[in-house]
Amino acid sequence: MKLLVLLTLLMTATAALANTPYRHVVFFKFKDSATPEQVAGIERDFAELAKKIETVEAFEWGTNVSPEGLNDGFTHCFLVTFANKAGLEVYLPHPAHEEFVGKLKPLLDKVCVVDYVAR
């Protein structure tokens, strides 16, 4: 009986997790050689990318304004929300995403990506 209760709880938790938003957070530090126009183009292209891939549920971005000085040179933060991890799995290999990454890579000094399940 205890095993049945444990399995039921596990299945319930797994089902709840599957319906929890999946966040994809991306931080960029651009090369010093990247021009303001190139950076603005990446900002614009990333926003357009979010509209091209049907699994993207929400998108927002901004530049670092923290007074703490702990950003390690990262200036841009982009937050992409999916319904679940399956949404990200459609997004990453999508041709529009791959094209965007091709434009982005030559301009990047560093990138940091953190994915998490919202709680």
N, C-alpha and C. Protein backbone atom coordinates (compact mmCIF):
# COMPACT_ATOMS: atom_id res chain seq x y z
N MET A 1 0.82 -1.19 0.00
CA MET A 1 0.00 0.00 0.00
C MET A 1 0.87 1.26 0.00
N LYS A 2 1.96 1.26 0.80
CA LYS A 2 2.85 2.41 0.85
C LYS A 2 3.48 2.67 -0.51
N LEU A 3 3.82 1.60 -1.21
CA LEU A 3 4.41 1.75 -2.54
C LEU A 3 3.43 2.40 -3.49
N LEU A 4 2.17 2.03 -3.41
CA LEU A 4 1.14 2.60 -4.27
C LEU A 4 0.98 4.10 -3.99
N VAL A 5 0.98 4.47 -2.73
CA VAL A 5 0.88 5.89 -2.35
C VAL A 5 2.10 6.64 -2.87
N LEU A 6 3.29 6.08 -2.70
CA LEU A 6 4.52 6.71 -3.17
C LEU A 6 4.50 6.89 -4.68
N LEU A 7 4.09 5.86 -5.40
CA LEU A 7 4.00 5.95 -6.86
C LEU A 7 2.98 7.00 -7.29
N THR A 8 1.87 7.07 -6.61
CA THR A 8 0.85 8.08 -6.92
C THR A 8 1.39 9.48 -6.70
N LEU A 9 2.09 9.69 -5.60
CA LEU A 9 2.69 11.00 -5.34
C LEU A 9 3.74 11.35 -6.38
N LEU A 10 4.56 10.40 -6.75
CA LEU A 10 5.58 10.61 -7.76
C LEU A 10 4.96 10.96 -9.10
N MET A 11 3.92 10.26 -9.49
CA MET A 11 3.25 10.53 -10.76
C MET A 11 2.59 11.91 -10.74
N THR A 12 2.00 12.27 -9.61
CA THR A 12 1.38 13.59 -9.48
C THR A 12 2.42 14.69 -9.58
N ALA A 13 3.54 14.50 -8.91
CA ALA A 13 4.62 15.50 -8.96
C ALA A 13 5.19 15.62 -10.36
N THR A 14 5.37 14.50 -11.03
CA THR A 14 5.89 14.51 -12.40
C THR A 14 4.92 15.21 -13.34
N ALA A 15 3.64 14.95 -13.19
CA ALA A 15 2.63 15.60 -14.03
C ALA A 15 2.61 17.10 -13.78
N ALA A 16 2.71 17.49 -12.52
CA ALA A 16 2.72 18.92 -12.20
C ALA A 16 3.95 19.59 -12.79
N LEU A 17 5.09 18.92 -12.72
CA LEU A 17 6.33 19.46 -13.27
C LEU A 17 6.23 19.62 -14.78
N ALA A 18 5.57 18.70 -15.44
CA ALA A 18 5.43 18.77 -16.89
C ALA A 18 4.59 19.96 -17.32
N ASN A 19 3.74 20.47 -16.43
CA ASN A 19 2.88 21.60 -16.76
C ASN A 19 3.40 22.91 -16.16
N THR A 20 4.63 22.92 -15.72
CA THR A 20 5.24 24.10 -15.13
C THR A 20 6.09 24.80 -16.18
N PRO A 21 6.02 26.13 -16.24
CA PRO A 21 6.82 26.84 -17.25
C PRO A 21 8.30 26.50 -17.19
N TYR A 22 8.89 26.39 -18.35
CA TYR A 22 10.32 26.08 -18.50
C TYR A 22 10.99 27.36 -18.98
N ARG A 23 11.93 27.87 -18.22
CA ARG A 23 12.60 29.13 -18.53
C ARG A 23 13.99 28.87 -19.11
N HIS A 24 14.32 29.64 -20.12
CA HIS A 24 15.62 29.59 -20.79
C HIS A 24 16.20 30.99 -20.67
N VAL A 25 17.22 31.14 -19.83
CA VAL A 25 17.82 32.45 -19.56
C VAL A 25 19.19 32.50 -20.22
N VAL A 26 19.41 33.56 -20.99
CA VAL A 26 20.64 33.68 -21.76
C VAL A 26 21.28 35.03 -21.47
N PHE A 27 22.56 35.00 -21.11
CA PHE A 27 23.33 36.22 -20.84
C PHE A 27 24.41 36.37 -21.91
N PHE A 28 24.57 37.60 -22.42
CA PHE A 28 25.58 37.87 -23.44
C PHE A 28 26.58 38.90 -22.94
N LYS A 29 27.83 38.66 -23.26
CA LYS A 29 28.88 39.67 -23.18
C LYS A 29 29.43 39.78 -24.59
N PHE A 30 29.25 40.93 -25.18
CA PHE A 30 29.70 41.12 -26.55
C PHE A 30 31.19 41.47 -26.59
N LYS A 31 31.82 41.15 -27.71
CA LYS A 31 33.22 41.52 -27.92
C LYS A 31 33.32 43.05 -27.94
N ASP A 32 34.47 43.55 -27.54
CA ASP A 32 34.69 44.99 -27.59
C ASP A 32 34.58 45.52 -29.02
N SER A 33 34.85 44.66 -29.98
CA SER A 33 34.80 45.08 -31.39
C SER A 33 33.37 45.14 -31.94
N ALA A 34 32.39 44.63 -31.21
CA ALA A 34 31.00 44.69 -31.68
C ALA A 34 30.51 46.14 -31.61
N THR A 35 29.99 46.61 -32.71
CA THR A 35 29.52 47.99 -32.77
C THR A 35 28.14 48.11 -32.13
N PRO A 36 27.77 49.31 -31.70
CA PRO A 36 26.42 49.50 -31.16
C PRO A 36 25.33 49.08 -32.16
N GLU A 37 25.58 49.28 -33.44
CA GLU A 37 24.62 48.89 -34.47
C GLU A 37 24.49 47.37 -34.54
N GLN A 38 25.60 46.66 -34.43
CA GLN A 38 25.56 45.20 -34.44
C GLN A 38 24.83 44.66 -33.22
N VAL A 39 25.09 45.24 -32.07
CA VAL A 39 24.43 44.81 -30.84
C VAL A 39 22.92 45.08 -30.95
N ALA A 40 22.56 46.25 -31.44
CA ALA A 40 21.14 46.56 -31.62
C ALA A 40 20.49 45.58 -32.60
N GLY A 41 21.21 45.16 -33.61
CA GLY A 41 20.70 44.19 -34.55
C GLY A 41 20.44 42.84 -33.89
N ILE A 42 21.33 42.43 -32.99
CA ILE A 42 21.14 41.17 -32.26
C ILE A 42 19.92 41.29 -31.34
N GLU A 43 19.79 42.40 -30.66
CA GLU A 43 18.62 42.61 -29.80
C GLU A 43 17.33 42.47 -30.61
N ARG A 44 17.30 43.12 -31.74
CA ARG A 44 16.12 43.08 -32.62
C ARG A 44 15.88 41.67 -33.16
N ASP A 45 16.95 41.02 -33.60
CA ASP A 45 16.83 39.68 -34.17
C ASP A 45 16.36 38.66 -33.14
N PHE A 46 16.82 38.80 -31.89
CA PHE A 46 16.40 37.85 -30.85
C PHE A 46 14.90 38.03 -30.58
N ALA A 47 14.45 39.26 -30.52
CA ALA A 47 13.01 39.52 -30.30
C ALA A 47 12.19 38.96 -31.46
N GLU A 48 12.68 39.09 -32.67
CA GLU A 48 11.97 38.54 -33.84
C GLU A 48 11.99 37.02 -33.84
N LEU A 49 13.10 36.45 -33.38
CA LEU A 49 13.22 34.99 -33.31
C LEU A 49 12.10 34.41 -32.45
N ALA A 50 11.84 35.06 -31.33
CA ALA A 50 10.80 34.57 -30.41
C ALA A 50 9.43 34.51 -31.08
N LYS A 51 9.21 35.35 -32.07
CA LYS A 51 7.92 35.36 -32.78
C LYS A 51 7.86 34.29 -33.87
N LYS A 52 8.99 33.77 -34.27
CA LYS A 52 9.06 32.80 -35.37
C LYS A 52 8.91 31.35 -34.93
N ILE A 53 9.08 31.09 -33.64
CA ILE A 53 9.06 29.71 -33.15
C ILE A 53 7.85 29.54 -32.24
N GLU A 54 6.95 28.68 -32.68
CA GLU A 54 5.63 28.56 -32.04
C GLU A 54 5.66 28.09 -30.60
N THR A 55 6.72 27.46 -30.16
CA THR A 55 6.76 26.97 -28.78
C THR A 55 7.17 28.05 -27.77
N VAL A 56 7.60 29.21 -28.26
CA VAL A 56 7.94 30.31 -27.35
C VAL A 56 6.65 30.92 -26.84
N GLU A 57 6.46 30.87 -25.52
CA GLU A 57 5.24 31.42 -24.92
C GLU A 57 5.42 32.87 -24.47
N ALA A 58 6.63 33.23 -24.09
CA ALA A 58 6.91 34.60 -23.65
C ALA A 58 8.38 34.90 -23.87
N PHE A 59 8.66 36.19 -24.06
CA PHE A 59 10.04 36.63 -24.30
C PHE A 59 10.20 38.01 -23.70
N GLU A 60 11.30 38.21 -23.02
CA GLU A 60 11.64 39.55 -22.55
C GLU A 60 13.15 39.67 -22.46
N TRP A 61 13.63 40.89 -22.45
CA TRP A 61 15.06 41.08 -22.35
C TRP A 61 15.35 42.45 -21.77
N GLY A 62 16.58 42.64 -21.37
CA GLY A 62 17.03 43.93 -20.88
C GLY A 62 18.53 43.94 -20.74
N THR A 63 19.05 45.11 -20.44
CA THR A 63 20.49 45.25 -20.22
C THR A 63 20.75 45.44 -18.73
N ASN A 64 21.94 45.08 -18.31
CA ASN A 64 22.30 45.14 -16.91
C ASN A 64 22.23 46.56 -16.37
N VAL A 65 21.53 46.73 -15.27
CA VAL A 65 21.45 48.02 -14.59
C VAL A 65 21.80 47.87 -13.11
N SER A 66 22.34 46.72 -12.74
CA SER A 66 22.65 46.46 -11.34
C SER A 66 23.80 47.35 -10.86
N PRO A 67 23.64 47.94 -9.68
CA PRO A 67 24.73 48.75 -9.12
C PRO A 67 25.80 47.91 -8.43
N GLU A 68 25.60 46.59 -8.34
CA GLU A 68 26.51 45.74 -7.58
C GLU A 68 27.82 45.42 -8.29
N GLY A 69 27.85 45.52 -9.61
CA GLY A 69 29.07 45.23 -10.35
C GLY A 69 29.46 43.76 -10.34
N LEU A 70 28.48 42.87 -10.27
CA LEU A 70 28.76 41.44 -10.20
C LEU A 70 28.38 40.71 -11.48
N ASN A 71 28.23 41.43 -12.57
CA ASN A 71 27.76 40.84 -13.82
C ASN A 71 28.85 40.19 -14.65
N ASP A 72 30.10 40.27 -14.22
CA ASP A 72 31.22 39.62 -14.90
C ASP A 72 31.30 40.00 -16.38
N GLY A 73 30.91 41.22 -16.70
CA GLY A 73 30.98 41.70 -18.08
C GLY A 73 29.76 41.41 -18.91
N PHE A 74 28.83 40.59 -18.42
CA PHE A 74 27.61 40.32 -19.17
C PHE A 74 26.73 41.57 -19.14
N THR A 75 26.29 41.97 -20.31
CA THR A 75 25.51 43.20 -20.42
C THR A 75 24.04 42.97 -20.74
N HIS A 76 23.73 41.82 -21.36
CA HIS A 76 22.37 41.55 -21.83
C HIS A 76 21.82 40.27 -21.21
N CYS A 77 20.54 40.31 -20.87
CA CYS A 77 19.85 39.14 -20.35
C CYS A 77 18.56 38.95 -21.16
N PHE A 78 18.36 37.73 -21.63
CA PHE A 78 17.16 37.38 -22.41
C PHE A 78 16.48 36.22 -21.69
N LEU A 79 15.17 36.33 -21.52
CA LEU A 79 14.39 35.29 -20.86
C LEU A 79 13.34 34.77 -21.84
N VAL A 80 13.45 33.49 -22.16
CA VAL A 80 12.51 32.86 -23.09
C VAL A 80 11.74 31.81 -22.29
N THR A 81 10.42 31.85 -22.38
CA THR A 81 9.58 30.93 -21.62
C THR A 81 8.88 29.96 -22.55
N PHE A 82 8.91 28.70 -22.16
CA PHE A 82 8.22 27.62 -22.88
C PHE A 82 7.23 26.96 -21.92
N ALA A 83 6.26 26.27 -22.45
CA ALA A 83 5.30 25.56 -21.60
C ALA A 83 5.98 24.45 -20.81
N ASN A 84 7.01 23.86 -21.44
CA ASN A 84 7.71 22.74 -20.82
C ASN A 84 9.03 22.53 -21.57
N LYS A 85 9.79 21.55 -21.15
CA LYS A 85 11.09 21.30 -21.77
C LYS A 85 10.95 20.92 -23.24
N ALA A 86 9.86 20.28 -23.60
CA ALA A 86 9.63 19.90 -25.00
C ALA A 86 9.64 21.14 -25.90
N GLY A 87 9.16 22.26 -25.38
CA GLY A 87 9.18 23.51 -26.16
C GLY A 87 10.59 23.95 -26.48
N LEU A 88 11.49 23.83 -25.51
CA LEU A 88 12.90 24.15 -25.74
C LEU A 88 13.50 23.20 -26.75
N GLU A 89 13.10 21.94 -26.68
CA GLU A 89 13.65 20.93 -27.59
C GLU A 89 13.23 21.17 -29.04
N VAL A 90 12.14 21.89 -29.25
CA VAL A 90 11.75 22.32 -30.60
C VAL A 90 12.56 23.55 -30.99
N TYR A 91 12.75 24.45 -30.04
CA TYR A 91 13.40 25.74 -30.26
C TYR A 91 14.88 25.62 -30.65
N LEU A 92 15.63 24.83 -29.88
CA LEU A 92 17.09 24.79 -30.09
C LEU A 92 17.51 24.38 -31.50
N PRO A 93 16.96 23.30 -32.08
CA PRO A 93 17.39 22.92 -33.42
C PRO A 93 16.61 23.62 -34.54
N HIS A 94 15.69 24.49 -34.19
CA HIS A 94 14.86 25.17 -35.20
C HIS A 94 15.77 25.96 -36.16
N PRO A 95 15.50 25.90 -37.46
CA PRO A 95 16.35 26.63 -38.42
C PRO A 95 16.46 28.13 -38.13
N ALA A 96 15.40 28.76 -37.64
CA ALA A 96 15.47 30.19 -37.33
C ALA A 96 16.43 30.44 -36.16
N HIS A 97 16.44 29.55 -35.18
CA HIS A 97 17.37 29.68 -34.05
C HIS A 97 18.80 29.47 -34.52
N GLU A 98 19.00 28.47 -35.35
CA GLU A 98 20.36 28.20 -35.84
C GLU A 98 20.88 29.37 -36.68
N GLU A 99 20.02 29.98 -37.47
CA GLU A 99 20.42 31.16 -38.25
C GLU A 99 20.81 32.31 -37.33
N PHE A 100 20.02 32.53 -36.29
CA PHE A 100 20.30 33.58 -35.32
C PHE A 100 21.66 33.34 -34.64
N VAL A 101 21.90 32.13 -34.20
CA VAL A 101 23.16 31.80 -33.54
C VAL A 101 24.34 32.05 -34.48
N GLY A 102 24.15 31.77 -35.76
CA GLY A 102 25.21 32.03 -36.74
C GLY A 102 25.57 33.50 -36.83
N LYS A 103 24.58 34.38 -36.72
CA LYS A 103 24.84 35.84 -36.72
C LYS A 103 25.47 36.29 -35.40
N LEU A 104 25.05 35.65 -34.33
CA LEU A 104 25.46 36.06 -32.99
C LEU A 104 26.90 35.69 -32.66
N LYS A 105 27.29 34.47 -32.95
CA LYS A 105 28.59 33.95 -32.50
C LYS A 105 29.78 34.85 -32.80
N PRO A 106 29.89 35.43 -33.99
CA PRO A 106 31.07 36.26 -34.26
C PRO A 106 31.15 37.52 -33.38
N LEU A 107 30.04 37.90 -32.76
CA LEU A 107 30.00 39.12 -31.95
C LEU A 107 30.17 38.86 -30.46
N LEU A 108 30.11 37.59 -30.05
CA LEU A 108 30.12 37.26 -28.63
C LEU A 108 31.51 37.02 -28.07
N ASP A 109 31.72 37.58 -26.89
CA ASP A 109 32.91 37.27 -26.10
C ASP A 109 32.59 36.08 -25.18
N LYS A 110 31.43 36.16 -24.48
CA LYS A 110 31.00 35.09 -23.58
C LYS A 110 29.48 34.98 -23.61
N VAL A 111 29.02 33.78 -23.33
CA VAL A 111 27.59 33.53 -23.18
C VAL A 111 27.41 32.63 -21.98
N CYS A 112 26.31 32.83 -21.28
CA CYS A 112 25.95 31.97 -20.16
C CYS A 112 24.47 31.61 -20.35
N VAL A 113 24.15 30.34 -20.23
CA VAL A 113 22.77 29.88 -20.39
C VAL A 113 22.37 29.11 -19.12
N VAL A 114 21.23 29.47 -18.59
CA VAL A 114 20.66 28.77 -17.44
C VAL A 114 19.22 28.43 -17.77
N ASP A 115 18.87 27.17 -17.66
CA ASP A 115 17.49 26.73 -17.83
C ASP A 115 16.97 26.28 -16.48
N TYR A 116 15.71 26.56 -16.21
CA TYR A 116 15.12 26.08 -14.97
C TYR A 116 13.62 25.90 -15.14
N VAL A 117 13.06 25.08 -14.27
CA VAL A 117 11.63 24.88 -14.23
C VAL A 117 11.09 25.82 -13.17
N ALA A 118 10.16 26.68 -13.56
CA ALA A 118 9.62 27.69 -12.64
C ALA A 118 8.88 27.04 -11.48
N ARG A 119 9.00 27.63 -10.33
CA ARG A 119 8.31 27.14 -9.13
C ARG A 119 7.45 28.23 -8.57
